[in-house]
Amino acid sequence: MPPPFLPEFFMFTTIDGIRLRIPTEEPVAPESSDCCGSGSCCPCVWDYYRAQQKAWLEQKEQKQKQLQEQE
């Protein structure tokens, strides 16, 4: 976990080999037209979305645990 003095927008992680900023809001799924469908993009917009979703859920769970510990 990063030091508590860092704002959330500076927090990065690597999920499934994709380096990304941890989203502060739930990620929005890409439009079907955002994906070229060739299978050659690495990472695909869907891979990136799934990594963002995973990072967001992990961050959300972490915050909930911290709130529970404070009670």
N, C-alpha and C. Protein backbone atom coordinates (compact mmCIF):
# COMPACT_ATOMS: atom_id res chain seq x y z
N MET A 1 0.84 -1.17 0.00
CA MET A 1 0.00 0.00 0.00
C MET A 1 0.89 1.24 0.00
N PRO A 2 0.54 2.25 -0.81
CA PRO A 2 1.38 3.44 -0.88
C PRO A 2 1.30 4.25 0.40
N PRO A 3 2.28 5.10 0.61
CA PRO A 3 2.24 5.95 1.81
C PRO A 3 0.95 6.76 1.85
N PRO A 4 0.40 7.01 3.03
CA PRO A 4 -0.89 7.68 3.13
C PRO A 4 -0.88 9.13 2.67
N PHE A 5 0.30 9.74 2.53
CA PHE A 5 0.36 11.13 2.13
C PHE A 5 0.22 11.33 0.62
N LEU A 6 0.23 10.26 -0.16
CA LEU A 6 0.09 10.40 -1.60
C LEU A 6 -1.38 10.46 -2.00
N PRO A 7 -1.77 11.47 -2.78
CA PRO A 7 -3.15 11.50 -3.28
C PRO A 7 -3.42 10.29 -4.15
N GLU A 8 -4.69 9.88 -4.21
CA GLU A 8 -5.05 8.68 -4.97
C GLU A 8 -4.64 8.77 -6.43
N PHE A 9 -4.66 9.97 -7.02
CA PHE A 9 -4.37 10.07 -8.45
C PHE A 9 -2.91 9.80 -8.77
N PHE A 10 -2.05 9.63 -7.75
CA PHE A 10 -0.66 9.28 -7.98
C PHE A 10 -0.42 7.78 -7.81
N MET A 11 -1.44 7.03 -7.48
CA MET A 11 -1.25 5.61 -7.19
C MET A 11 -1.35 4.78 -8.47
N PHE A 12 -0.31 4.00 -8.72
CA PHE A 12 -0.27 3.13 -9.89
C PHE A 12 -0.16 1.69 -9.42
N THR A 13 -0.52 0.78 -10.30
CA THR A 13 -0.39 -0.64 -10.03
C THR A 13 -0.17 -1.36 -11.33
N THR A 14 0.20 -2.62 -11.25
CA THR A 14 0.31 -3.47 -12.43
C THR A 14 -0.63 -4.65 -12.22
N ILE A 15 -1.58 -4.77 -13.13
CA ILE A 15 -2.57 -5.85 -13.08
C ILE A 15 -2.45 -6.65 -14.38
N ASP A 16 -2.24 -7.95 -14.26
CA ASP A 16 -2.13 -8.82 -15.44
C ASP A 16 -1.14 -8.27 -16.47
N GLY A 17 -0.04 -7.71 -15.99
CA GLY A 17 1.00 -7.19 -16.86
C GLY A 17 0.73 -5.82 -17.44
N ILE A 18 -0.36 -5.17 -17.04
CA ILE A 18 -0.72 -3.86 -17.55
C ILE A 18 -0.51 -2.83 -16.46
N ARG A 19 0.36 -1.86 -16.71
CA ARG A 19 0.62 -0.78 -15.74
C ARG A 19 -0.45 0.29 -15.92
N LEU A 20 -1.11 0.65 -14.82
CA LEU A 20 -2.17 1.64 -14.92
C LEU A 20 -2.34 2.40 -13.63
N ARG A 21 -2.97 3.55 -13.75
CA ARG A 21 -3.31 4.36 -12.58
C ARG A 21 -4.55 3.73 -11.95
N ILE A 22 -4.57 3.60 -10.64
CA ILE A 22 -5.73 3.02 -9.96
C ILE A 22 -6.89 4.00 -10.10
N PRO A 23 -7.99 3.57 -10.72
CA PRO A 23 -9.12 4.47 -10.91
C PRO A 23 -9.79 4.82 -9.58
N THR A 24 -10.24 6.07 -9.46
CA THR A 24 -10.93 6.51 -8.25
C THR A 24 -12.43 6.31 -8.38
N GLU A 25 -12.90 6.08 -9.60
CA GLU A 25 -14.31 5.79 -9.85
C GLU A 25 -14.39 4.51 -10.66
N GLU A 26 -15.55 3.86 -10.61
CA GLU A 26 -15.70 2.62 -11.34
C GLU A 26 -15.47 2.85 -12.84
N PRO A 27 -14.60 2.04 -13.43
CA PRO A 27 -14.30 2.21 -14.86
C PRO A 27 -15.53 1.93 -15.73
N VAL A 28 -15.59 2.61 -16.84
CA VAL A 28 -16.67 2.44 -17.80
C VAL A 28 -16.19 1.50 -18.90
N ALA A 29 -17.01 0.52 -19.22
CA ALA A 29 -16.64 -0.44 -20.26
C ALA A 29 -16.50 0.26 -21.60
N PRO A 30 -15.54 -0.16 -22.42
CA PRO A 30 -15.38 0.44 -23.73
C PRO A 30 -16.57 0.11 -24.63
N GLU A 31 -16.81 0.97 -25.60
CA GLU A 31 -17.84 0.70 -26.60
C GLU A 31 -17.34 -0.43 -27.49
N SER A 32 -18.24 -1.18 -28.07
CA SER A 32 -17.81 -2.27 -28.95
C SER A 32 -17.01 -1.74 -30.13
N SER A 33 -17.28 -0.50 -30.53
CA SER A 33 -16.53 0.09 -31.65
C SER A 33 -15.11 0.51 -31.24
N ASP A 34 -14.81 0.52 -29.93
CA ASP A 34 -13.47 0.86 -29.46
C ASP A 34 -12.47 -0.28 -29.72
N CYS A 35 -12.99 -1.48 -29.88
CA CYS A 35 -12.14 -2.65 -30.11
C CYS A 35 -12.10 -2.93 -31.61
N CYS A 36 -10.90 -3.13 -32.14
CA CYS A 36 -10.76 -3.40 -33.58
C CYS A 36 -11.14 -4.83 -33.93
N GLY A 37 -11.11 -5.72 -32.93
CA GLY A 37 -11.51 -7.11 -33.16
C GLY A 37 -10.45 -7.96 -33.83
N SER A 38 -9.26 -7.42 -34.04
CA SER A 38 -8.23 -8.19 -34.74
C SER A 38 -7.51 -9.18 -33.83
N GLY A 39 -7.53 -8.89 -32.54
CA GLY A 39 -6.83 -9.76 -31.60
C GLY A 39 -5.33 -9.51 -31.55
N SER A 40 -4.87 -8.49 -32.28
CA SER A 40 -3.43 -8.24 -32.33
C SER A 40 -2.99 -7.10 -31.40
N CYS A 41 -3.92 -6.38 -30.83
CA CYS A 41 -3.56 -5.27 -29.92
C CYS A 41 -3.15 -5.83 -28.57
N CYS A 42 -2.09 -5.29 -28.04
CA CYS A 42 -1.61 -5.75 -26.75
C CYS A 42 -1.19 -4.55 -25.92
N PRO A 43 -1.95 -4.14 -24.94
CA PRO A 43 -3.20 -4.77 -24.50
C PRO A 43 -4.39 -4.25 -25.30
N CYS A 44 -5.37 -5.09 -25.41
CA CYS A 44 -6.64 -4.74 -26.04
C CYS A 44 -7.39 -3.77 -25.11
N VAL A 45 -8.29 -2.96 -25.66
CA VAL A 45 -9.06 -2.06 -24.80
C VAL A 45 -9.83 -2.84 -23.75
N TRP A 46 -10.23 -4.07 -24.07
CA TRP A 46 -10.95 -4.90 -23.10
C TRP A 46 -10.02 -5.41 -22.01
N ASP A 47 -8.78 -5.74 -22.36
CA ASP A 47 -7.79 -6.14 -21.36
C ASP A 47 -7.55 -4.99 -20.39
N TYR A 48 -7.40 -3.79 -20.95
CA TYR A 48 -7.16 -2.61 -20.13
C TYR A 48 -8.35 -2.34 -19.22
N TYR A 49 -9.56 -2.46 -19.75
CA TYR A 49 -10.77 -2.26 -18.95
C TYR A 49 -10.83 -3.27 -17.80
N ARG A 50 -10.59 -4.54 -18.10
CA ARG A 50 -10.64 -5.57 -17.04
C ARG A 50 -9.58 -5.31 -15.96
N ALA A 51 -8.41 -4.85 -16.37
CA ALA A 51 -7.36 -4.52 -15.40
C ALA A 51 -7.78 -3.33 -14.54
N GLN A 52 -8.38 -2.32 -15.16
CA GLN A 52 -8.87 -1.17 -14.40
C GLN A 52 -9.96 -1.60 -13.42
N GLN A 53 -10.88 -2.44 -13.88
CA GLN A 53 -11.98 -2.91 -13.03
C GLN A 53 -11.43 -3.67 -11.83
N LYS A 54 -10.45 -4.53 -12.09
CA LYS A 54 -9.84 -5.32 -11.01
C LYS A 54 -9.15 -4.40 -10.00
N ALA A 55 -8.40 -3.42 -10.50
CA ALA A 55 -7.70 -2.48 -9.61
C ALA A 55 -8.70 -1.67 -8.79
N TRP A 56 -9.77 -1.24 -9.42
CA TRP A 56 -10.79 -0.45 -8.73
C TRP A 56 -11.47 -1.28 -7.62
N LEU A 57 -11.81 -2.53 -7.93
CA LEU A 57 -12.43 -3.40 -6.93
C LEU A 57 -11.50 -3.67 -5.76
N GLU A 58 -10.21 -3.90 -6.05
CA GLU A 58 -9.24 -4.13 -4.97
C GLU A 58 -9.12 -2.90 -4.09
N GLN A 59 -9.08 -1.71 -4.71
CA GLN A 59 -8.98 -0.46 -3.95
C GLN A 59 -10.23 -0.26 -3.09
N LYS A 60 -11.38 -0.56 -3.66
CA LYS A 60 -12.66 -0.42 -2.95
C LYS A 60 -12.70 -1.35 -1.73
N GLU A 61 -12.27 -2.60 -1.91
CA GLU A 61 -12.23 -3.55 -0.80
C GLU A 61 -11.27 -3.09 0.29
N GLN A 62 -10.13 -2.56 -0.13
CA GLN A 62 -9.13 -2.07 0.83
C GLN A 62 -9.70 -0.92 1.67
N LYS A 63 -10.40 -0.01 1.02
CA LYS A 63 -11.01 1.12 1.74
C LYS A 63 -12.07 0.63 2.72
N GLN A 64 -12.87 -0.35 2.30
CA GLN A 64 -13.90 -0.89 3.19
C GLN A 64 -13.28 -1.54 4.42
N LYS A 65 -12.18 -2.27 4.22
CA LYS A 65 -11.49 -2.89 5.35
C LYS A 65 -10.96 -1.84 6.32
N GLN A 66 -10.38 -0.77 5.76
CA GLN A 66 -9.86 0.30 6.61
C GLN A 66 -10.97 0.95 7.42
N LEU A 67 -12.12 1.16 6.80
CA LEU A 67 -13.25 1.76 7.52
C LEU A 67 -13.75 0.84 8.64
N GLN A 68 -13.79 -0.46 8.37
CA GLN A 68 -14.23 -1.42 9.37
C GLN A 68 -13.25 -1.47 10.54
N GLU A 69 -11.96 -1.35 10.25
CA GLU A 69 -10.95 -1.39 11.30
C GLU A 69 -11.02 -0.15 12.18
N GLN A 70 -11.48 0.96 11.63
CA GLN A 70 -11.58 2.21 12.37
C GLN A 70 -12.78 2.20 13.33
N GLU A 71 -13.75 1.36 13.06
CA GLU A 71 -14.96 1.33 13.91
C GLU A 71 -14.70 0.66 15.23
